[in-house]
Amino acid sequence: MGPGRTRVWRPAWPCPAGAILAQHRRGDADPTYLIDEQGRHWRGIRTPQGPATLVVQPRPRDAEIRSEAWGPGAEWVLDSVPDLLGANDDWSGFEPRHPVLVEAMRRNPHARLGRTGLVMESLVPAIIEQKVTGQEAFAGFRMLVHRFGERAPGPGVERKLWLQPAPERLRTIASWEWLRMHIDAARSRTIVTVARVAESLERTATLAPDEADRRLRTLPGIGAWTSAEVRQRALGDPDSVSFGDYHVAKDVGWALTGTQFDDAQLEAFLEPWRPQRGRVPALVAAAGFGRPRHGPRMAPRTHLPARVTRR
């Protein structure tokens, strides 16, 4: 486990690398993502050139980001670091229009939307998260990775860092194995379906967001919410809003009007910000302006419906 390939990148702005990378973490115990004792961010990534371990070390005093990578996909992930950290995210034309958003931007002046360029990496966990609690979704994702994924290359083995299962492996998982991971038949069928067309789905990362959305939603079980979750992470789409989310509409409504919105109200309210609507909920979340969480948490489900849903 010798030294990997390295890259030192000096962003043109004070890049909050940790906050930008956090959108790719699926819960605190995500086996494909860890933060070590030095504050470095480790990710196990399955690239078009093969598996890779990537470690990103922000060095704000030096105004630089140091990255190191191992495995067949090392060169690919190092080339992707600027995009991953939002170097090409363009905020010009976005007007906060609301005192709460003005304050959110004041608190987060260097916020950016990163993009991975990897569709399946975002799509599989998004499907697992459909219509279940975060606790259940994160547990199901961990079990899937531990049972059917593989260790990330290089020091990823020592760090106990994992890669998501490859599409060809997802296609072979038996129905009862999905149920053991508390992933019901509707979601497992969707995952197997997307795994069968993974190669063509990866190409949607190069398309305009509207066309990527259209193609994703032609697949059974992929609706507006899942497509939005993928476009936010894989494409860095600034207009992508997770309509159908349990929290987003309520949080934005509470933060900006003092009243919780439903999806229809959120869509109407965000229209003036098109084609950068997604920045509004992103800023609300980054500033911690969501509604207070005083009520009981949703409990994990005790039954697993078999009906296919589109979310």
Protein backbone atom coordinates (compact mmCIF):
# COMPACT_ATOMS: atom_id res chain seq x y z
CA MET A 1 0.00 0.00 0.00
CA GLY A 2 2.47 2.58 -1.22
CA PRO A 3 1.77 6.16 -2.18
CA GLY A 4 -0.94 6.73 -4.73
CA ARG A 5 -1.30 9.34 -7.41
CA THR A 6 -1.56 12.86 -6.02
CA ARG A 7 -2.99 16.19 -7.08
CA VAL A 8 -2.79 19.62 -5.47
CA TRP A 9 -5.56 21.93 -6.62
CA ARG A 10 -5.85 25.60 -5.72
CA PRO A 11 -9.48 26.67 -6.12
CA ALA A 12 -10.24 30.23 -7.12
CA TRP A 13 -12.41 30.74 -4.03
CA PRO A 14 -12.23 29.64 -0.36
CA CYS A 15 -13.63 26.17 -1.05
CA PRO A 16 -15.55 24.58 1.88
CA ALA A 17 -14.63 21.10 0.70
CA GLY A 18 -16.13 19.21 3.64
CA ALA A 19 -19.53 20.85 3.35
CA ILE A 20 -19.66 20.26 -0.41
CA LEU A 21 -18.62 16.61 -0.13
CA ALA A 22 -21.17 15.95 2.64
CA GLN A 23 -24.05 15.64 0.14
CA HIS A 24 -22.54 12.33 -1.00
CA ARG A 25 -22.52 10.76 2.46
CA ARG A 26 -25.39 8.36 3.18
CA GLY A 27 -25.62 8.61 6.94
CA ASP A 28 -22.89 8.76 9.57
CA ALA A 29 -21.96 5.09 9.08
CA ASP A 30 -21.78 5.13 5.26
CA PRO A 31 -19.22 2.40 4.46
CA THR A 32 -18.18 4.16 1.22
CA TYR A 33 -17.32 7.43 2.99
CA LEU A 34 -15.32 8.24 6.11
CA ILE A 35 -13.61 11.21 7.75
CA ASP A 36 -10.39 10.36 9.54
CA GLU A 37 -8.70 11.82 12.59
CA GLN A 38 -6.91 14.39 10.42
CA GLY A 39 -10.14 15.67 8.89
CA ARG A 40 -9.46 14.02 5.53
CA HIS A 41 -12.43 12.78 3.51
CA TRP A 42 -12.13 9.24 2.15
CA ARG A 43 -14.41 7.87 -0.56
CA GLY A 44 -14.66 4.49 -2.26
CA ILE A 45 -15.67 5.21 -5.86
CA ARG A 46 -16.49 2.97 -8.81
CA THR A 47 -15.34 4.93 -11.87
CA PRO A 48 -15.63 4.24 -15.61
CA GLN A 49 -11.96 3.17 -15.44
CA GLY A 50 -12.38 0.90 -12.43
CA PRO A 51 -12.46 1.08 -8.62
CA ALA A 52 -10.69 3.87 -6.78
CA THR A 53 -9.99 5.13 -3.29
CA LEU A 54 -9.96 8.92 -3.08
CA VAL A 55 -8.83 10.96 -0.09
CA VAL A 56 -9.42 14.72 -0.09
CA GLN A 57 -7.53 16.90 2.39
CA PRO A 58 -8.56 20.58 2.59
CA ARG A 59 -5.70 22.91 3.46
CA PRO A 60 -7.39 26.27 3.98
CA ARG A 61 -4.25 27.98 5.31
CA ASP A 62 -2.50 27.18 2.03
CA ALA A 63 -5.65 27.85 -0.04
CA GLU A 64 -5.36 24.41 -1.61
CA ILE A 65 -6.94 20.98 -1.75
CA ARG A 66 -4.62 17.98 -1.67
CA SER A 67 -6.00 14.74 -3.09
CA GLU A 68 -4.54 11.27 -3.34
CA ALA A 69 -6.00 8.23 -5.08
CA TRP A 70 -5.32 4.53 -5.56
CA GLY A 71 -6.64 1.85 -7.89
CA PRO A 72 -7.43 1.58 -11.61
CA GLY A 73 -9.73 4.62 -11.39
CA ALA A 74 -7.20 6.83 -9.59
CA GLU A 75 -6.49 9.11 -12.52
CA TRP A 76 -10.19 9.51 -13.26
CA VAL A 77 -11.12 10.54 -9.70
CA LEU A 78 -8.22 12.99 -9.44
CA ASP A 79 -9.32 14.63 -12.68
CA SER A 80 -12.84 14.89 -11.23
CA VAL A 81 -11.88 16.71 -8.00
CA PRO A 82 -12.59 20.29 -9.19
CA ASP A 83 -16.03 19.30 -10.48
CA LEU A 84 -16.66 17.28 -7.32
CA LEU A 85 -16.00 20.40 -5.26
CA GLY A 86 -18.08 22.78 -7.38
CA ALA A 87 -15.44 24.54 -9.49
CA ASN A 88 -17.85 24.86 -12.42
CA ASP A 89 -20.95 25.71 -10.42
CA ASP A 90 -22.10 29.13 -11.61
CA TRP A 91 -24.13 31.23 -9.17
CA SER A 92 -24.35 34.23 -11.48
CA GLY A 93 -27.96 35.15 -12.08
CA PHE A 94 -29.15 33.82 -8.75
CA GLU A 95 -30.86 36.52 -6.67
CA PRO A 96 -31.73 35.65 -3.06
CA ARG A 97 -34.92 37.83 -3.24
CA HIS A 98 -35.74 37.08 0.42
CA PRO A 99 -34.13 38.25 3.69
CA VAL A 100 -33.79 34.68 4.93
CA LEU A 101 -31.88 33.68 1.79
CA VAL A 102 -29.74 36.81 2.01
CA GLU A 103 -28.78 35.75 5.54
CA ALA A 104 -28.20 32.15 4.41
CA MET A 105 -25.82 33.37 1.72
CA ARG A 106 -24.06 35.60 4.25
CA ARG A 107 -23.50 32.55 6.43
CA ASN A 108 -22.41 30.39 3.49
CA PRO A 109 -20.72 32.79 1.06
CA HIS A 110 -18.65 30.09 -0.64
CA ALA A 111 -21.33 27.42 -1.08
CA ARG A 112 -21.17 25.45 -4.31
CA LEU A 113 -22.94 22.45 -5.84
CA GLY A 114 -20.51 19.71 -6.77
CA ARG A 115 -21.03 16.99 -9.36
CA THR A 116 -19.66 13.44 -9.46
CA GLY A 117 -20.50 12.59 -13.07
CA LEU A 118 -21.52 9.13 -11.75
CA VAL A 119 -25.22 8.29 -12.08
CA MET A 120 -25.42 4.81 -10.55
CA GLU A 121 -23.48 5.90 -7.48
CA SER A 122 -26.32 8.30 -6.63
CA LEU A 123 -29.19 6.32 -8.09
CA VAL A 124 -28.93 3.09 -6.10
CA PRO A 125 -28.97 4.70 -2.63
CA ALA A 126 -31.69 7.11 -3.77
CA ILE A 127 -33.91 4.17 -4.71
CA ILE A 128 -33.24 2.56 -1.32
CA GLU A 129 -34.33 5.83 0.33
CA GLN A 130 -37.70 5.91 -1.43
CA LYS A 131 -40.63 6.28 0.98
CA VAL A 132 -38.81 4.99 4.07
CA THR A 133 -37.22 6.60 7.12
CA GLY A 134 -33.61 7.70 6.94
CA GLN A 135 -32.73 5.15 9.60
CA GLU A 136 -34.15 2.29 7.53
CA ALA A 137 -32.65 3.57 4.27
CA PHE A 138 -29.13 4.03 5.64
CA ALA A 139 -29.22 0.61 7.30
CA GLY A 140 -30.36 -1.04 4.06
CA PHE A 141 -27.61 0.71 2.09
CA ARG A 142 -24.96 -0.40 4.60
CA MET A 143 -26.11 -4.00 4.42
CA LEU A 144 -26.13 -3.93 0.62
CA VAL A 145 -22.58 -2.59 0.48
CA HIS A 146 -21.20 -4.93 3.13
CA ARG A 147 -22.81 -8.06 1.66
CA PHE A 148 -22.35 -7.44 -2.04
CA GLY A 149 -19.81 -4.65 -2.44
CA GLU A 150 -16.05 -4.92 -2.18
CA ARG A 151 -13.23 -3.20 -0.35
CA ALA A 152 -11.84 -0.06 -1.92
CA PRO A 153 -8.28 -0.40 -3.29
CA GLY A 154 -5.00 0.65 -1.69
CA PRO A 155 -5.30 1.93 1.89
CA GLY A 156 -9.07 1.67 1.54
CA VAL A 157 -8.65 -1.93 2.74
CA GLU A 158 -6.92 -0.86 5.94
CA ARG A 159 -9.43 1.94 6.44
CA LYS A 160 -12.31 -0.52 5.97
CA LEU A 161 -13.61 1.60 3.10
CA TRP A 162 -16.01 -0.05 0.69
CA LEU A 163 -17.25 0.26 -2.88
CA GLN A 164 -20.90 -0.01 -3.83
CA PRO A 165 -21.79 -3.26 -5.63
CA ALA A 166 -21.12 -3.25 -9.36
CA PRO A 167 -24.22 -3.28 -11.62
CA GLU A 168 -23.48 -6.84 -12.72
CA ARG A 169 -23.52 -7.92 -9.07
CA LEU A 170 -26.76 -6.09 -8.34
CA ARG A 171 -28.44 -8.00 -11.16
CA THR A 172 -27.69 -11.35 -9.47
CA ILE A 173 -28.97 -10.66 -5.94
CA ALA A 174 -31.82 -13.03 -5.07
CA SER A 175 -35.19 -11.66 -4.01
CA TRP A 176 -34.92 -13.06 -0.47
CA GLU A 177 -31.54 -11.37 -0.01
CA TRP A 178 -33.13 -7.99 -0.69
CA LEU A 179 -35.79 -8.68 1.94
CA ARG A 180 -33.12 -9.59 4.48
CA MET A 181 -31.72 -6.10 3.91
CA HIS A 182 -35.22 -4.64 4.51
CA ILE A 183 -35.42 -3.50 0.88
CA ASP A 184 -38.87 -4.40 -0.37
CA ALA A 185 -39.74 -5.94 -3.73
CA ALA A 186 -40.72 -2.62 -5.34
CA ARG A 187 -37.37 -0.98 -4.62
CA SER A 188 -35.28 -4.08 -5.35
CA ARG A 189 -36.98 -4.51 -8.73
CA THR A 190 -36.16 -0.91 -9.55
CA ILE A 191 -32.51 -1.38 -8.58
CA VAL A 192 -32.21 -4.52 -10.71
CA THR A 193 -33.89 -2.70 -13.61
CA VAL A 194 -31.47 0.23 -13.51
CA ALA A 195 -28.52 -2.15 -13.11
CA ARG A 196 -29.46 -3.79 -16.42
CA VAL A 197 -29.13 -0.46 -18.24
CA ALA A 198 -26.35 1.01 -16.10
CA GLU A 199 -24.03 1.76 -19.01
CA SER A 200 -26.61 3.87 -20.84
CA LEU A 201 -27.68 5.57 -17.60
CA GLU A 202 -24.12 6.70 -16.92
CA ARG A 203 -24.20 8.58 -20.21
CA THR A 204 -27.03 10.78 -18.91
CA ALA A 205 -24.43 12.59 -16.77
CA THR A 206 -23.25 14.29 -19.96
CA LEU A 207 -26.74 15.48 -20.97
CA ALA A 208 -28.63 18.66 -20.17
CA PRO A 209 -30.49 18.23 -16.85
CA ASP A 210 -33.95 18.31 -18.46
CA GLU A 211 -33.03 15.51 -20.85
CA ALA A 212 -31.36 13.51 -18.08
CA ASP A 213 -34.55 13.87 -16.03
CA ARG A 214 -36.70 12.69 -18.92
CA ARG A 215 -34.58 9.60 -19.52
CA LEU A 216 -34.33 8.66 -15.86
CA ARG A 217 -38.09 8.89 -15.42
CA THR A 218 -38.82 6.54 -18.32
CA LEU A 219 -37.71 3.68 -16.04
CA PRO A 220 -40.30 1.95 -13.82
CA GLY A 221 -39.94 3.06 -10.22
CA ILE A 222 -38.04 6.29 -11.00
CA GLY A 223 -40.10 9.40 -10.38
CA ALA A 224 -39.53 13.09 -9.74
CA TRP A 225 -37.94 12.71 -6.30
CA THR A 226 -35.42 10.04 -7.26
CA SER A 227 -34.45 11.83 -10.46
CA ALA A 228 -33.91 15.07 -8.55
CA GLU A 229 -31.72 13.36 -5.95
CA VAL A 230 -29.54 11.93 -8.71
CA ARG A 231 -29.29 15.15 -10.72
CA GLN A 232 -28.27 17.12 -7.64
CA ARG A 233 -25.29 14.85 -7.00
CA ALA A 234 -24.29 13.43 -10.36
CA LEU A 235 -24.94 16.52 -12.49
CA GLY A 236 -24.79 19.36 -9.94
CA ASP A 237 -28.13 20.57 -11.35
CA PRO A 238 -28.98 23.92 -9.68
CA ASP A 239 -32.65 23.66 -10.70
CA SER A 240 -33.19 20.22 -9.17
CA VAL A 241 -35.66 20.18 -6.27
CA SER A 242 -36.61 17.03 -4.35
CA PHE A 243 -40.38 17.36 -4.66
CA GLY A 244 -41.98 14.55 -2.69
CA ASP A 245 -39.42 14.67 0.10
CA TYR A 246 -40.78 14.38 3.64
CA HIS A 247 -38.88 17.47 4.85
CA VAL A 248 -37.93 19.80 1.98
CA ALA A 249 -41.24 21.56 1.29
CA LYS A 250 -42.04 21.90 4.99
CA ASP A 251 -38.59 23.26 5.81
CA VAL A 252 -38.50 25.82 3.00
CA GLY A 253 -42.02 27.03 3.78
CA TRP A 254 -41.26 27.34 7.47
CA ALA A 255 -37.97 29.17 6.88
CA LEU A 256 -39.26 31.65 4.30
CA THR A 257 -42.90 32.21 5.33
CA GLY A 258 -43.34 30.72 8.79
CA THR A 259 -45.82 28.19 7.38
CA GLN A 260 -45.05 24.67 6.21
CA PHE A 261 -45.54 24.14 2.47
CA ASP A 262 -46.80 21.12 0.61
CA ASP A 263 -45.19 20.24 -2.73
CA ALA A 264 -47.62 22.26 -4.84
CA GLN A 265 -47.05 25.35 -2.70
CA LEU A 266 -43.28 24.85 -2.84
CA GLU A 267 -43.31 24.51 -6.63
CA ALA A 268 -45.30 27.73 -7.03
CA PHE A 269 -43.15 29.59 -4.52
CA LEU A 270 -39.87 28.57 -6.20
CA GLU A 271 -40.92 29.50 -9.73
CA PRO A 272 -39.24 32.96 -9.68
CA TRP A 273 -35.88 31.26 -9.11
CA ARG A 274 -36.06 29.02 -12.18
CA PRO A 275 -33.59 27.79 -13.55
CA GLN A 276 -31.82 27.77 -10.18
CA ARG A 277 -34.66 26.67 -7.90
CA GLY A 278 -32.57 24.02 -6.19
CA ARG A 279 -30.34 26.63 -4.61
CA VAL A 280 -33.19 27.79 -2.34
CA PRO A 281 -33.65 24.52 -0.36
CA ALA A 282 -29.87 24.00 -0.46
CA LEU A 283 -29.28 27.37 1.21
CA VAL A 284 -32.04 26.78 3.77
CA ALA A 285 -30.47 23.44 4.70
CA ALA A 286 -26.91 24.78 4.77
CA ALA A 287 -27.90 27.61 7.11
CA GLY A 288 -29.89 25.28 9.39
CA PHE A 289 -33.11 27.24 8.91
CA GLY A 290 -35.44 24.23 8.71
CA ARG A 291 -38.45 23.90 10.99
CA PRO A 292 -37.92 22.70 14.58
CA ARG A 293 -38.00 18.92 15.04
CA HIS A 294 -40.04 18.57 18.23
CA GLY A 295 -42.37 15.75 17.21
CA PRO A 296 -41.72 12.00 17.39
CA ARG A 297 -39.62 10.47 14.64
CA MET A 298 -41.25 8.27 12.04
CA ALA A 299 -40.86 4.63 13.00
CA PRO A 300 -39.41 2.10 10.54
CA ARG A 301 -42.12 0.16 8.74
CA THR A 302 -43.21 -3.21 10.01
CA HIS A 303 -44.34 -4.51 6.61
CA LEU A 304 -42.87 -4.42 3.13
CA PRO A 305 -45.29 -3.55 0.30
CA ALA A 306 -44.71 -5.21 -3.03
CA ARG A 307 -46.40 -2.61 -5.26
CA VAL A 308 -44.08 -0.70 -7.62
CA THR A 309 -44.02 3.00 -6.85
CA ARG A 310 -42.65 5.95 -8.78
CA ARG A 311 -41.02 8.54 -6.62
